[in-house]
Amino acid sequence: MNARTHKSGGRERQRGMVLVIVLWIVTLLAVMAGGFAYSMRVETRLATSTVERAQARALAEAGVAYAQAWQLDYESSRKAWPPNGDPHGWAFGGGRLRIEVINAHGLISLNSTGNEVLKALFAGIGLNPADQDRLVEKLLERRQPNQLSMSRPTTGLEPQGGQFESIEELQQIEGITPAIYRRIADKVTAFSNHFGVNPELASEDMLRALGLDERTVADYLAARAQAGSDGPPPAPPPQPAGGGAVFSGGRGNVYHITVVAETAAKTAVVVKAVVDLRIGMGKGQGTRILSWREGR
């Protein structure tokens, strides 16, 4: 091999190494570009999802305000939108909303309702008499002030007593399983002290849960709907068989509002709010949010 041939072969090897290096660099740049593009797609999708969820949340908040506006007008709330849990649809801001409003007097008060009403509630969800009595006893015990916590400092882990401040506190009661809690959570309130349930303001599910049969519920709802548009309220339904008095009258300032809001892109948000509407109570009195829960 002469010097010229050796020199030519060296240049060929150098060119080959350079080509390999260039190919590796191009491949690396392609991988980096692909990763960057994927990252940008993910970030764009997350940003879009965040915007859509914010839009759905804003729609839900508008739904809560819309429901309050209707309830502030007593005549409108009595005839066009009685707060008895019936669903109302509303199209707004490019989305759709499903709104339910129920006055607290159409629910069972955890802080003041008597044992007959509580027992009827537990019977209505299918518990046997022994479990009904046991849970009523535990709930009534829970209302009593915790003497131990009143006499010395606590760690915050001891069972609390006294007035319920939220329906979630039901889960602290021995025997209230997650399944039982889910079945009664939308039928109780911790924000109103009243006795019994006003059937004019009770939902269809509530009337069934209190022990009324299907025919009685259907007849009463038909009479209530007719009276709402034409005249005075109908006579209350008969008290459930086998129990004490569970129905009463009255209407308070506290309303439970449930809003399901869905954007045009099908992003949905559920808001459950409890509001105190001090209607006509004088200067300085107005809407107060007592509870606000949000989910999907």
Protein backbone atom coordinates (compact mmCIF):
# COMPACT_ATOMS: atom_id res chain seq x y z
CA MET A 1 0.00 0.00 0.00
CA ASN A 2 1.48 3.31 -1.01
CA ALA A 3 1.18 6.57 0.92
CA ARG A 4 -1.48 7.96 -1.41
CA THR A 5 -3.76 4.95 -0.88
CA HIS A 6 -3.28 5.06 2.90
CA LYS A 7 -4.12 8.77 2.97
CA SER A 8 -7.26 8.23 0.88
CA GLY A 9 -8.46 5.46 3.17
CA GLY A 10 -8.00 7.68 6.21
CA ARG A 11 -10.15 10.37 4.68
CA GLU A 12 -12.88 7.83 3.90
CA ARG A 13 -12.91 6.66 7.53
CA GLN A 14 -13.12 10.25 8.74
CA ARG A 15 -16.03 10.93 6.39
CA GLY A 16 -17.79 7.79 7.67
CA MET A 17 -17.34 8.86 11.31
CA VAL A 18 -18.60 12.34 10.52
CA LEU A 19 -21.63 10.87 8.76
CA VAL A 20 -22.40 8.65 11.77
CA ILE A 21 -22.06 11.61 14.14
CA VAL A 22 -24.32 13.73 11.94
CA LEU A 23 -26.92 10.94 11.84
CA TRP A 24 -26.83 10.62 15.62
CA ILE A 25 -27.25 14.38 16.02
CA VAL A 26 -30.17 14.42 13.58
CA THR A 27 -31.77 11.49 15.41
CA LEU A 28 -31.26 13.19 18.77
CA LEU A 29 -32.75 16.44 17.47
CA ALA A 30 -35.72 14.52 16.04
CA VAL A 31 -36.30 12.81 19.41
CA MET A 32 -36.02 16.13 21.21
CA ALA A 33 -38.41 17.78 18.75
CA GLY A 34 -40.89 14.92 19.13
CA GLY A 35 -40.68 15.13 22.93
CA PHE A 36 -41.18 18.87 22.83
CA ALA A 37 -44.18 18.54 20.51
CA TYR A 38 -45.71 15.88 22.78
CA SER A 39 -45.09 18.03 25.84
CA MET A 40 -46.75 20.97 24.13
CA ARG A 41 -49.75 18.84 23.20
CA VAL A 42 -50.09 17.66 26.80
CA GLU A 43 -49.77 21.20 28.14
CA THR A 44 -52.30 22.46 25.60
CA ARG A 45 -54.72 19.69 26.56
CA LEU A 46 -54.26 20.45 30.27
CA ALA A 47 -54.73 24.16 29.66
CA THR A 48 -57.86 23.48 27.62
CA SER A 49 -59.21 21.18 30.32
CA THR A 50 -58.51 23.81 32.98
CA VAL A 51 -60.28 26.48 30.95
CA GLU A 52 -63.28 24.23 30.29
CA ARG A 53 -63.53 23.29 33.95
CA ALA A 54 -63.33 26.95 34.93
CA GLN A 55 -66.13 27.67 32.45
CA ALA A 56 -68.23 24.84 33.90
CA ARG A 57 -67.60 26.14 37.42
CA ALA A 58 -68.62 29.64 36.37
CA LEU A 59 -71.81 28.22 34.83
CA ALA A 60 -72.56 26.38 38.08
CA GLU A 61 -72.04 29.55 40.12
CA ALA A 62 -74.38 31.38 37.74
CA GLY A 63 -76.92 28.60 38.29
CA VAL A 64 -76.76 29.05 42.06
CA ALA A 65 -77.28 32.81 41.66
CA TYR A 66 -80.13 32.22 39.20
CA ALA A 67 -81.90 29.88 41.63
CA GLN A 68 -81.52 32.38 44.46
CA ALA A 69 -83.03 35.14 42.33
CA TRP A 70 -86.16 33.04 41.77
CA GLN A 71 -86.50 32.24 45.46
CA LEU A 72 -86.16 35.88 46.48
CA ASP A 73 -89.54 36.51 44.82
CA TYR A 74 -92.01 34.65 47.03
CA GLU A 75 -94.83 34.55 44.49
CA SER A 76 -92.56 33.29 41.74
CA SER A 77 -91.07 30.69 44.02
CA ARG A 78 -94.53 29.52 45.09
CA LYS A 79 -96.02 29.19 41.60
CA ALA A 80 -93.29 28.98 38.96
CA TRP A 81 -90.42 27.46 40.94
CA PRO A 82 -91.46 26.04 44.31
CA PRO A 83 -88.43 24.89 46.32
CA ASN A 84 -89.47 21.26 46.52
CA GLY A 85 -86.60 19.57 44.70
CA ASP A 86 -88.18 19.45 41.23
CA PRO A 87 -85.47 19.80 38.54
CA HIS A 88 -85.39 22.88 36.30
CA GLY A 89 -83.35 23.21 33.10
CA TRP A 90 -81.60 26.40 32.01
CA ALA A 91 -79.50 27.17 28.94
CA PHE A 92 -76.94 29.88 29.60
CA GLY A 93 -73.54 30.97 28.32
CA GLY A 94 -73.34 28.23 25.72
CA GLY A 95 -73.90 25.52 28.33
CA ARG A 96 -76.78 23.69 29.94
CA LEU A 97 -77.69 23.51 33.61
CA ARG A 98 -79.93 21.29 35.71
CA ILE A 99 -80.96 23.03 38.92
CA GLU A 100 -82.76 21.67 41.98
CA VAL A 101 -83.81 23.85 44.91
CA ILE A 102 -85.31 22.62 48.14
CA ASN A 103 -86.21 24.63 51.20
CA ALA A 104 -84.68 23.21 54.38
CA HIS A 105 -88.18 22.64 55.80
CA GLY A 106 -88.62 20.01 53.12
CA LEU A 107 -85.70 18.11 54.64
CA ILE A 108 -85.11 16.44 58.00
CA SER A 109 -83.27 18.57 60.53
CA LEU A 110 -80.42 16.69 62.17
CA ASN A 111 -80.51 19.09 65.11
CA SER A 112 -84.18 19.23 66.06
CA THR A 113 -86.27 16.56 64.35
CA GLY A 114 -87.86 14.05 66.73
CA ASN A 115 -87.15 10.35 66.90
CA GLU A 116 -90.34 9.38 65.01
CA VAL A 117 -89.21 11.26 61.91
CA LEU A 118 -85.70 9.88 62.14
CA LYS A 119 -87.03 6.36 62.53
CA ALA A 120 -89.29 6.85 59.51
CA LEU A 121 -86.24 7.96 57.50
CA PHE A 122 -84.23 4.87 58.42
CA ALA A 123 -87.26 2.66 57.78
CA GLY A 124 -87.71 4.27 54.38
CA ILE A 125 -84.24 3.19 53.26
CA GLY A 126 -84.97 -0.41 54.23
CA LEU A 127 -83.35 -0.84 57.66
CA ASN A 128 -84.93 -3.31 60.05
CA PRO A 129 -86.62 -2.03 63.25
CA ALA A 130 -83.68 -2.95 65.48
CA ASP A 131 -81.21 -1.01 63.32
CA GLN A 132 -83.65 1.90 63.09
CA ASP A 133 -83.88 2.19 66.87
CA ARG A 134 -80.12 1.81 67.31
CA LEU A 135 -79.25 4.53 64.80
CA VAL A 136 -81.88 6.91 66.13
CA GLU A 137 -80.48 6.42 69.62
CA LYS A 138 -76.92 7.06 68.41
CA LEU A 139 -77.98 10.18 66.52
CA LEU A 140 -79.86 11.60 69.49
CA GLU A 141 -76.86 10.87 71.71
CA ARG A 142 -74.67 12.73 69.23
CA ARG A 143 -76.77 15.86 69.75
CA GLN A 144 -75.90 15.96 73.44
CA PRO A 145 -72.93 18.15 74.38
CA ASN A 146 -69.73 16.19 74.92
CA GLN A 147 -69.23 16.63 78.65
CA LEU A 148 -65.67 15.27 78.44
CA SER A 149 -64.61 17.87 75.90
CA MET A 150 -66.25 20.61 77.95
CA SER A 151 -64.32 19.69 81.12
CA ARG A 152 -60.77 19.47 79.75
CA PRO A 153 -58.71 20.25 76.63
CA THR A 154 -59.09 17.80 73.75
CA THR A 155 -56.85 16.56 70.98
CA GLY A 156 -59.54 17.04 68.33
CA LEU A 157 -59.80 13.29 67.77
CA GLU A 158 -62.49 12.56 70.36
CA PRO A 159 -66.11 12.07 69.24
CA GLN A 160 -67.80 15.44 69.16
CA GLY A 161 -71.22 16.25 70.57
CA GLY A 162 -73.79 19.00 70.28
CA GLN A 163 -75.30 20.56 67.20
CA PHE A 164 -74.43 19.20 63.77
CA GLU A 165 -72.56 21.77 61.71
CA SER A 166 -72.58 19.76 58.48
CA ILE A 167 -74.23 16.65 57.15
CA GLU A 168 -70.79 15.07 56.71
CA GLU A 169 -70.65 14.71 60.50
CA LEU A 170 -73.21 11.93 60.18
CA GLN A 171 -70.32 9.70 59.11
CA GLN A 172 -68.87 9.99 62.62
CA ILE A 173 -71.85 8.15 64.09
CA GLU A 174 -71.32 4.49 64.83
CA GLY A 175 -73.44 2.41 62.47
CA ILE A 176 -73.78 5.03 59.73
CA THR A 177 -72.03 3.15 56.94
CA PRO A 178 -71.00 4.83 53.67
CA ALA A 179 -73.98 3.14 51.97
CA ILE A 180 -76.45 4.47 54.56
CA TYR A 181 -74.87 7.92 54.44
CA ARG A 182 -75.21 8.12 50.64
CA ARG A 183 -78.91 7.22 50.87
CA ILE A 184 -79.83 9.83 53.48
CA ALA A 185 -77.37 12.68 52.78
CA ASP A 186 -79.69 14.50 50.36
CA LYS A 187 -82.65 14.18 52.74
CA VAL A 188 -81.23 15.93 55.80
CA THR A 189 -80.01 19.38 56.76
CA ALA A 190 -77.76 20.74 59.48
CA PHE A 191 -78.73 24.38 58.91
CA SER A 192 -82.32 24.61 60.14
CA ASN A 193 -83.98 23.79 63.44
CA HIS A 194 -87.50 22.63 62.67
CA PHE A 195 -89.71 19.68 63.53
CA GLY A 196 -91.09 17.33 60.95
CA VAL A 197 -91.07 17.79 57.18
CA ASN A 198 -93.26 20.17 55.22
CA PRO A 199 -94.76 18.01 52.43
CA GLU A 200 -95.30 21.09 50.26
CA LEU A 201 -91.50 21.45 50.11
CA ALA A 202 -90.48 17.80 50.16
CA SER A 203 -89.11 16.02 47.11
CA GLU A 204 -90.65 12.90 45.65
CA ASP A 205 -87.79 10.83 47.04
CA MET A 206 -88.30 12.30 50.49
CA LEU A 207 -92.00 11.47 50.52
CA ARG A 208 -91.20 7.89 49.58
CA ALA A 209 -88.43 7.70 52.17
CA LEU A 210 -90.88 8.73 54.87
CA GLY A 211 -93.02 5.68 54.14
CA LEU A 212 -95.72 6.85 51.73
CA ASP A 213 -96.74 4.33 49.09
CA GLU A 214 -96.38 5.02 45.36
CA ARG A 215 -100.06 5.81 44.79
CA THR A 216 -100.25 8.24 47.69
CA VAL A 217 -97.09 10.01 46.54
CA ALA A 218 -98.31 10.27 42.94
CA ASP A 219 -101.73 11.63 43.98
CA TYR A 220 -100.23 14.18 46.35
CA LEU A 221 -97.65 15.40 43.81
CA ALA A 222 -100.37 15.86 41.20
CA ALA A 223 -102.51 17.83 43.65
CA ARG A 224 -99.51 19.90 44.72
CA ALA A 225 -98.58 20.77 41.13
CA GLN A 226 -102.16 21.78 40.35
CA ALA A 227 -102.46 23.92 43.46
CA GLY A 228 -99.15 25.61 42.77
CA SER A 229 -100.53 27.19 39.63
CA ASP A 230 -104.19 27.63 40.49
CA GLY A 231 -104.84 28.01 44.17
CA PRO A 232 -104.06 27.29 47.81
CA PRO A 233 -101.84 24.39 48.87
CA PRO A 234 -103.42 20.92 48.94
CA ALA A 235 -104.19 19.05 52.12
CA PRO A 236 -101.11 17.26 53.44
CA PRO A 237 -100.80 13.56 52.67
CA PRO A 238 -101.72 11.07 55.37
CA GLN A 239 -99.11 10.36 57.98
CA PRO A 240 -97.14 7.18 57.21
CA ALA A 241 -98.72 4.03 58.59
CA GLY A 242 -97.18 2.57 61.72
CA GLY A 243 -95.41 5.71 62.87
CA GLY A 244 -95.95 9.02 64.58
CA ALA A 245 -96.49 12.41 62.99
CA VAL A 246 -93.73 13.24 60.51
CA PHE A 247 -95.31 16.10 58.56
CA SER A 248 -95.45 19.72 59.64
CA GLY A 249 -95.69 23.17 58.06
CA GLY A 250 -93.49 26.19 57.81
CA ARG A 251 -90.90 27.59 55.46
CA GLY A 252 -87.54 29.03 56.42
CA ASN A 253 -84.79 31.12 54.88
CA VAL A 254 -82.38 28.25 54.19
CA TYR A 255 -82.26 26.63 50.75
CA HIS A 256 -80.29 23.65 49.46
CA ILE A 257 -79.34 24.20 45.81
CA THR A 258 -77.86 21.54 43.51
CA VAL A 259 -76.55 22.59 40.10
CA VAL A 260 -75.20 20.31 37.39
CA ALA A 261 -73.51 22.51 34.77
CA GLU A 262 -72.21 21.22 31.43
CA THR A 263 -70.30 23.23 28.83
CA ALA A 264 -70.62 22.84 25.07
CA ALA A 265 -67.47 20.67 25.24
CA LYS A 266 -69.28 18.31 27.68
CA THR A 267 -67.18 19.26 30.70
CA ALA A 268 -69.45 19.00 33.75
CA VAL A 269 -69.30 20.35 37.30
CA VAL A 270 -71.70 19.66 40.16
CA VAL A 271 -72.17 22.25 42.91
CA LYS A 272 -74.16 21.64 46.08
CA ALA A 273 -74.71 24.88 47.96
CA VAL A 274 -76.67 25.79 51.06
CA VAL A 275 -77.67 29.44 51.24
CA ASP A 276 -79.48 31.59 53.77
CA LEU A 277 -81.76 34.10 52.06
CA ARG A 278 -82.88 36.73 54.53
CA ILE A 279 -85.83 37.82 52.43
CA GLY A 280 -87.30 41.10 53.64
CA MET A 281 -85.43 40.97 56.94
CA GLY A 282 -84.28 44.56 56.84
CA LYS A 283 -81.21 46.53 55.90
CA GLY A 284 -77.92 44.67 56.03
CA GLN A 285 -79.53 41.26 55.62
CA GLY A 286 -78.93 39.28 52.46
CA THR A 287 -77.62 36.07 51.01
CA ARG A 288 -75.16 34.06 53.06
CA ILE A 289 -73.40 30.91 51.85
CA LEU A 290 -73.56 28.27 54.57
CA SER A 291 -72.03 25.38 52.65
CA TRP A 292 -70.42 24.88 49.25
CA ARG A 293 -69.36 21.53 47.85
CA GLU A 294 -68.05 20.98 44.34
CA GLY A 295 -67.45 17.82 42.35
CA ARG A 296 -67.86 16.17 38.96
